[in-house]
Amino acid sequence: MLLDEMVKRERSLHGARRRELAWLEQILHPDFCEITRSGHLVTRAQTIAALIKEETLPEMLSRDFQLVSTGEMSLILLYQSCDADGSRAAMRASHWLREGQNWRMVFHQGTPAENAAPL
């Protein structure tokens, strides 16, 4: 099922693979950019540089994944997240493009959601 595949790809960026340069280069589209939870626009290069330098992995919980089709080769994955202690709740959206058999993230945004229900 496509939703399961996309959740697996998204969650790979929440765990140990987020520090693997080869994986990041594969999964992040060359035109990738992100609007961070704090409102900063960052490039693919900035994102990769920051992730591979992380010394501790954040413990992120996520739920309520939904797919929005934006075309045959394009979709948006929506979900909620928070840290393991329930702090830093956010609404998140990732735009994915299909290239051949692979899906690559081209855009991500995390927006604070202070009134979100606990995960």
N, C-alpha and C. Protein backbone atom coordinates (compact mmCIF):
# COMPACT_ATOMS: atom_id res chain seq x y z
N MET A 1 0.85 -1.18 0.00
CA MET A 1 0.00 0.00 0.00
C MET A 1 0.90 1.25 0.00
N LEU A 2 0.52 2.23 -0.79
CA LEU A 2 1.33 3.43 -0.93
C LEU A 2 1.49 4.20 0.38
N LEU A 3 0.43 4.31 1.16
CA LEU A 3 0.54 5.04 2.43
C LEU A 3 1.61 4.40 3.32
N ASP A 4 1.60 3.07 3.42
CA ASP A 4 2.60 2.38 4.25
C ASP A 4 4.02 2.66 3.76
N GLU A 5 4.21 2.63 2.45
CA GLU A 5 5.53 2.90 1.87
C GLU A 5 5.99 4.32 2.20
N MET A 6 5.09 5.28 2.08
CA MET A 6 5.48 6.67 2.31
C MET A 6 5.73 6.94 3.80
N VAL A 7 4.94 6.31 4.67
CA VAL A 7 5.18 6.46 6.12
C VAL A 7 6.55 5.88 6.47
N LYS A 8 6.89 4.74 5.89
CA LYS A 8 8.20 4.13 6.15
C LYS A 8 9.31 5.06 5.69
N ARG A 9 9.17 5.66 4.51
CA ARG A 9 10.20 6.57 4.01
C ARG A 9 10.31 7.80 4.93
N GLU A 10 9.18 8.35 5.29
CA GLU A 10 9.17 9.54 6.16
C GLU A 10 9.83 9.22 7.50
N ARG A 11 9.42 8.12 8.09
CA ARG A 11 9.96 7.76 9.41
C ARG A 11 11.44 7.40 9.36
N SER A 12 11.95 7.02 8.18
CA SER A 12 13.38 6.75 8.07
C SER A 12 14.19 8.01 8.39
N LEU A 13 13.57 9.15 8.19
CA LEU A 13 14.23 10.43 8.47
C LEU A 13 14.08 10.83 9.93
N HIS A 14 13.38 10.03 10.71
CA HIS A 14 13.22 10.29 12.14
C HIS A 14 14.20 9.44 12.96
N GLY A 15 14.80 8.44 12.35
CA GLY A 15 15.66 7.51 13.07
C GLY A 15 17.12 7.60 12.64
N ALA A 16 17.84 6.52 12.86
CA ALA A 16 19.29 6.50 12.64
C ALA A 16 19.68 6.77 11.19
N ARG A 17 18.83 6.44 10.23
CA ARG A 17 19.18 6.66 8.82
C ARG A 17 19.31 8.14 8.48
N ARG A 18 18.77 9.00 9.33
CA ARG A 18 18.86 10.44 9.06
C ARG A 18 20.29 10.95 9.11
N ARG A 19 21.22 10.11 9.59
CA ARG A 19 22.64 10.49 9.63
C ARG A 19 23.44 9.86 8.50
N GLU A 20 22.80 9.04 7.66
CA GLU A 20 23.49 8.34 6.58
C GLU A 20 23.52 9.21 5.32
N LEU A 21 24.68 9.69 4.98
CA LEU A 21 24.82 10.58 3.83
C LEU A 21 24.25 9.96 2.55
N ALA A 22 24.58 8.71 2.28
CA ALA A 22 24.10 8.07 1.05
C ALA A 22 22.57 8.01 1.02
N TRP A 23 21.95 7.70 2.16
CA TRP A 23 20.49 7.64 2.23
C TRP A 23 19.88 9.02 2.01
N LEU A 24 20.45 10.02 2.65
CA LEU A 24 19.93 11.39 2.50
C LEU A 24 20.04 11.85 1.06
N GLU A 25 21.16 11.55 0.41
CA GLU A 25 21.32 11.94 -0.99
C GLU A 25 20.34 11.22 -1.89
N GLN A 26 19.96 10.01 -1.51
CA GLN A 26 18.99 9.24 -2.30
C GLN A 26 17.57 9.72 -2.08
N ILE A 27 17.20 9.99 -0.84
CA ILE A 27 15.80 10.26 -0.51
C ILE A 27 15.42 11.74 -0.68
N LEU A 28 16.39 12.64 -0.56
CA LEU A 28 16.09 14.07 -0.71
C LEU A 28 16.35 14.50 -2.15
N HIS A 29 15.34 15.02 -2.77
CA HIS A 29 15.40 15.51 -4.15
C HIS A 29 16.48 16.59 -4.26
N PRO A 30 17.15 16.71 -5.40
CA PRO A 30 18.16 17.76 -5.55
C PRO A 30 17.64 19.17 -5.27
N ASP A 31 16.35 19.41 -5.50
CA ASP A 31 15.76 20.73 -5.25
C ASP A 31 15.12 20.84 -3.88
N PHE A 32 15.38 19.88 -2.99
CA PHE A 32 14.77 19.86 -1.67
C PHE A 32 15.02 21.16 -0.91
N CYS A 33 13.98 21.59 -0.20
CA CYS A 33 14.12 22.67 0.78
C CYS A 33 13.10 22.40 1.88
N GLU A 34 13.30 23.06 2.99
CA GLU A 34 12.43 22.85 4.15
C GLU A 34 12.18 24.17 4.84
N ILE A 35 10.96 24.34 5.31
CA ILE A 35 10.65 25.41 6.24
C ILE A 35 10.57 24.72 7.60
N THR A 36 11.53 25.03 8.45
CA THR A 36 11.63 24.35 9.73
C THR A 36 10.49 24.74 10.66
N ARG A 37 10.38 23.97 11.73
CA ARG A 37 9.36 24.24 12.75
C ARG A 37 9.51 25.64 13.31
N SER A 38 10.73 26.16 13.31
CA SER A 38 10.99 27.50 13.83
C SER A 38 10.87 28.58 12.75
N GLY A 39 10.51 28.20 11.52
CA GLY A 39 10.23 29.17 10.47
C GLY A 39 11.39 29.55 9.59
N HIS A 40 12.47 28.79 9.61
CA HIS A 40 13.62 29.09 8.76
C HIS A 40 13.58 28.26 7.48
N LEU A 41 13.93 28.87 6.37
CA LEU A 41 14.04 28.16 5.10
C LEU A 41 15.45 27.61 4.98
N VAL A 42 15.57 26.29 4.80
CA VAL A 42 16.88 25.67 4.66
C VAL A 42 16.95 24.85 3.37
N THR A 43 18.14 24.78 2.81
CA THR A 43 18.37 24.05 1.57
C THR A 43 18.68 22.58 1.84
N ARG A 44 18.74 21.84 0.78
CA ARG A 44 19.13 20.43 0.87
C ARG A 44 20.52 20.30 1.49
N ALA A 45 21.46 21.09 1.01
CA ALA A 45 22.83 21.02 1.52
C ALA A 45 22.87 21.35 3.02
N GLN A 46 22.14 22.36 3.43
CA GLN A 46 22.11 22.72 4.85
C GLN A 46 21.48 21.61 5.69
N THR A 47 20.42 21.03 5.17
CA THR A 47 19.73 19.94 5.88
C THR A 47 20.66 18.75 6.05
N ILE A 48 21.28 18.33 4.97
CA ILE A 48 22.18 17.18 5.03
C ILE A 48 23.34 17.45 5.99
N ALA A 49 23.94 18.62 5.90
CA ALA A 49 25.06 18.96 6.78
C ALA A 49 24.65 18.90 8.24
N ALA A 50 23.47 19.40 8.56
CA ALA A 50 23.00 19.40 9.95
C ALA A 50 22.69 17.98 10.43
N LEU A 51 22.05 17.18 9.59
CA LEU A 51 21.66 15.83 10.01
C LEU A 51 22.85 14.92 10.24
N ILE A 52 23.83 14.95 9.36
CA ILE A 52 24.95 14.02 9.52
C ILE A 52 25.84 14.39 10.70
N LYS A 53 25.70 15.61 11.21
CA LYS A 53 26.49 16.03 12.38
C LYS A 53 25.76 15.78 13.70
N GLU A 54 24.50 15.40 13.67
CA GLU A 54 23.75 15.18 14.91
C GLU A 54 24.46 14.16 15.79
N GLU A 55 24.60 14.48 17.06
CA GLU A 55 25.23 13.55 17.98
C GLU A 55 24.22 12.66 18.69
N THR A 56 23.02 13.17 18.91
CA THR A 56 21.96 12.37 19.51
C THR A 56 20.74 12.41 18.60
N LEU A 57 20.06 11.30 18.54
CA LEU A 57 18.85 11.22 17.71
C LEU A 57 17.66 11.73 18.50
N PRO A 58 16.85 12.57 17.87
CA PRO A 58 15.63 12.98 18.56
C PRO A 58 14.67 11.79 18.64
N GLU A 59 13.92 11.72 19.71
CA GLU A 59 12.90 10.67 19.82
C GLU A 59 11.58 11.28 19.38
N MET A 60 11.24 11.08 18.12
CA MET A 60 10.04 11.67 17.56
C MET A 60 8.94 10.64 17.43
N LEU A 61 7.75 11.02 17.86
CA LEU A 61 6.55 10.21 17.66
C LEU A 61 5.74 10.85 16.54
N SER A 62 5.08 10.03 15.76
CA SER A 62 4.27 10.56 14.66
C SER A 62 3.02 9.71 14.48
N ARG A 63 1.96 10.37 13.98
CA ARG A 63 0.69 9.65 13.80
C ARG A 63 -0.20 10.42 12.82
N ASP A 64 -1.35 9.82 12.56
CA ASP A 64 -2.39 10.41 11.72
C ASP A 64 -1.88 10.78 10.33
N PHE A 65 -1.20 9.85 9.71
CA PHE A 65 -0.67 10.07 8.36
C PHE A 65 -1.80 10.05 7.35
N GLN A 66 -1.74 11.00 6.44
CA GLN A 66 -2.72 11.09 5.35
C GLN A 66 -1.99 11.43 4.06
N LEU A 67 -2.42 10.82 2.97
CA LEU A 67 -1.86 11.14 1.66
C LEU A 67 -2.79 12.05 0.90
N VAL A 68 -2.20 13.03 0.24
CA VAL A 68 -2.94 13.90 -0.66
C VAL A 68 -2.29 13.75 -2.03
N SER A 69 -3.03 13.23 -2.99
CA SER A 69 -2.49 13.07 -4.33
C SER A 69 -2.48 14.42 -5.04
N THR A 70 -1.35 14.74 -5.62
CA THR A 70 -1.24 15.98 -6.39
C THR A 70 -0.90 15.68 -7.84
N GLY A 71 -1.03 14.42 -8.22
CA GLY A 71 -0.75 13.97 -9.58
C GLY A 71 -0.23 12.55 -9.54
N GLU A 72 -0.02 11.96 -10.73
CA GLU A 72 0.46 10.58 -10.79
C GLU A 72 1.82 10.40 -10.14
N MET A 73 2.65 11.41 -10.23
CA MET A 73 4.03 11.31 -9.77
C MET A 73 4.33 12.24 -8.60
N SER A 74 3.28 12.66 -7.89
CA SER A 74 3.45 13.66 -6.84
C SER A 74 2.41 13.45 -5.74
N LEU A 75 2.87 13.58 -4.50
CA LEU A 75 1.92 13.49 -3.40
C LEU A 75 2.44 14.29 -2.21
N ILE A 76 1.53 14.58 -1.30
CA ILE A 76 1.86 15.25 -0.05
C ILE A 76 1.47 14.31 1.08
N LEU A 77 2.39 14.13 2.02
CA LEU A 77 2.14 13.32 3.19
C LEU A 77 1.96 14.27 4.38
N LEU A 78 0.78 14.22 5.00
CA LEU A 78 0.46 15.06 6.15
C LEU A 78 0.49 14.19 7.41
N TYR A 79 0.96 14.75 8.53
CA TYR A 79 0.93 14.01 9.79
C TYR A 79 1.21 14.93 10.97
N GLN A 80 1.02 14.39 12.16
CA GLN A 80 1.33 15.09 13.40
C GLN A 80 2.56 14.46 14.03
N SER A 81 3.33 15.27 14.72
CA SER A 81 4.50 14.74 15.42
C SER A 81 4.69 15.46 16.74
N CYS A 82 5.50 14.84 17.59
CA CYS A 82 5.96 15.48 18.82
C CYS A 82 7.18 14.73 19.31
N ASP A 83 7.91 15.31 20.24
CA ASP A 83 9.02 14.63 20.87
C ASP A 83 8.45 13.54 21.79
N ALA A 84 9.29 12.62 22.20
CA ALA A 84 8.84 11.48 23.02
C ALA A 84 8.18 11.92 24.32
N ASP A 85 8.56 13.09 24.84
CA ASP A 85 7.96 13.58 26.09
C ASP A 85 6.68 14.37 25.86
N GLY A 86 6.21 14.43 24.60
CA GLY A 86 4.97 15.14 24.27
C GLY A 86 5.18 16.60 23.92
N SER A 87 6.40 17.09 24.04
CA SER A 87 6.67 18.49 23.72
C SER A 87 6.87 18.68 22.22
N ARG A 88 6.92 19.91 21.82
CA ARG A 88 7.20 20.31 20.43
C ARG A 88 6.24 19.67 19.42
N ALA A 89 4.96 19.68 19.75
CA ALA A 89 3.95 19.16 18.83
C ALA A 89 3.98 19.97 17.54
N ALA A 90 3.80 19.28 16.43
CA ALA A 90 3.83 19.96 15.13
C ALA A 90 2.91 19.26 14.14
N MET A 91 2.41 20.04 13.22
CA MET A 91 1.74 19.52 12.03
C MET A 91 2.81 19.53 10.95
N ARG A 92 2.91 18.46 10.20
CA ARG A 92 3.97 18.34 9.21
C ARG A 92 3.40 17.98 7.84
N ALA A 93 4.09 18.47 6.81
CA ALA A 93 3.73 18.15 5.43
C ALA A 93 5.01 17.92 4.64
N SER A 94 5.04 16.83 3.91
CA SER A 94 6.18 16.51 3.04
C SER A 94 5.65 16.31 1.63
N HIS A 95 6.28 16.97 0.67
CA HIS A 95 5.93 16.83 -0.73
C HIS A 95 6.93 15.86 -1.36
N TRP A 96 6.40 14.79 -1.93
CA TRP A 96 7.22 13.73 -2.53
C TRP A 96 6.98 13.67 -4.03
N LEU A 97 8.06 13.47 -4.79
CA LEU A 97 7.99 13.30 -6.24
C LEU A 97 8.49 11.90 -6.59
N ARG A 98 7.79 11.25 -7.50
CA ARG A 98 8.22 9.92 -7.94
C ARG A 98 9.12 10.07 -9.15
N GLU A 99 10.29 9.45 -9.05
CA GLU A 99 11.25 9.42 -10.15
C GLU A 99 11.55 7.95 -10.45
N GLY A 100 10.98 7.44 -11.53
CA GLY A 100 11.10 6.01 -11.81
C GLY A 100 10.35 5.24 -10.75
N GLN A 101 11.04 4.35 -10.05
CA GLN A 101 10.42 3.57 -8.98
C GLN A 101 10.64 4.19 -7.59
N ASN A 102 11.37 5.28 -7.53
CA ASN A 102 11.72 5.89 -6.25
C ASN A 102 10.93 7.16 -5.97
N TRP A 103 10.62 7.35 -4.71
CA TRP A 103 10.00 8.58 -4.24
C TRP A 103 11.06 9.41 -3.54
N ARG A 104 11.13 10.71 -3.87
CA ARG A 104 12.11 11.60 -3.26
C ARG A 104 11.38 12.82 -2.69
N MET A 105 11.79 13.20 -1.51
CA MET A 105 11.17 14.36 -0.85
C MET A 105 11.74 15.64 -1.45
N VAL A 106 10.84 16.51 -1.90
CA VAL A 106 11.27 17.77 -2.50
C VAL A 106 11.02 18.96 -1.57
N PHE A 107 10.11 18.79 -0.61
CA PHE A 107 9.79 19.88 0.31
C PHE A 107 9.24 19.31 1.61
N HIS A 108 9.56 19.98 2.71
CA HIS A 108 9.01 19.60 4.02
C HIS A 108 8.76 20.85 4.83
N GLN A 109 7.68 20.84 5.58
CA GLN A 109 7.39 21.94 6.50
C GLN A 109 6.83 21.38 7.79
N GLY A 110 7.32 21.92 8.90
CA GLY A 110 6.79 21.60 10.22
C GLY A 110 6.28 22.88 10.86
N THR A 111 5.04 22.86 11.32
CA THR A 111 4.42 24.04 11.92
C THR A 111 4.00 23.71 13.35
N PRO A 112 4.39 24.53 14.32
CA PRO A 112 4.00 24.24 15.70
C PRO A 112 2.49 24.08 15.83
N ALA A 113 2.13 23.13 16.68
CA ALA A 113 0.71 22.85 16.93
C ALA A 113 0.54 22.74 18.45
N GLU A 114 0.51 23.86 19.09
CA GLU A 114 0.50 23.90 20.55
C GLU A 114 -0.73 23.24 21.17
N ASN A 115 -1.85 23.20 20.45
CA ASN A 115 -3.08 22.63 21.01
C ASN A 115 -3.34 21.21 20.51
N ALA A 116 -2.32 20.56 19.97
CA ALA A 116 -2.51 19.21 19.45
C ALA A 116 -2.74 18.22 20.60
N ALA A 117 -3.55 17.21 20.32
CA ALA A 117 -3.78 16.15 21.31
C ALA A 117 -2.50 15.36 21.50
N PRO A 118 -2.20 14.90 22.71
CA PRO A 118 -0.99 14.13 22.96
C PRO A 118 -0.96 12.87 22.11
N LEU A 119 0.22 12.47 21.70
CA LEU A 119 0.37 11.25 20.91
C LEU A 119 0.48 10.05 21.82
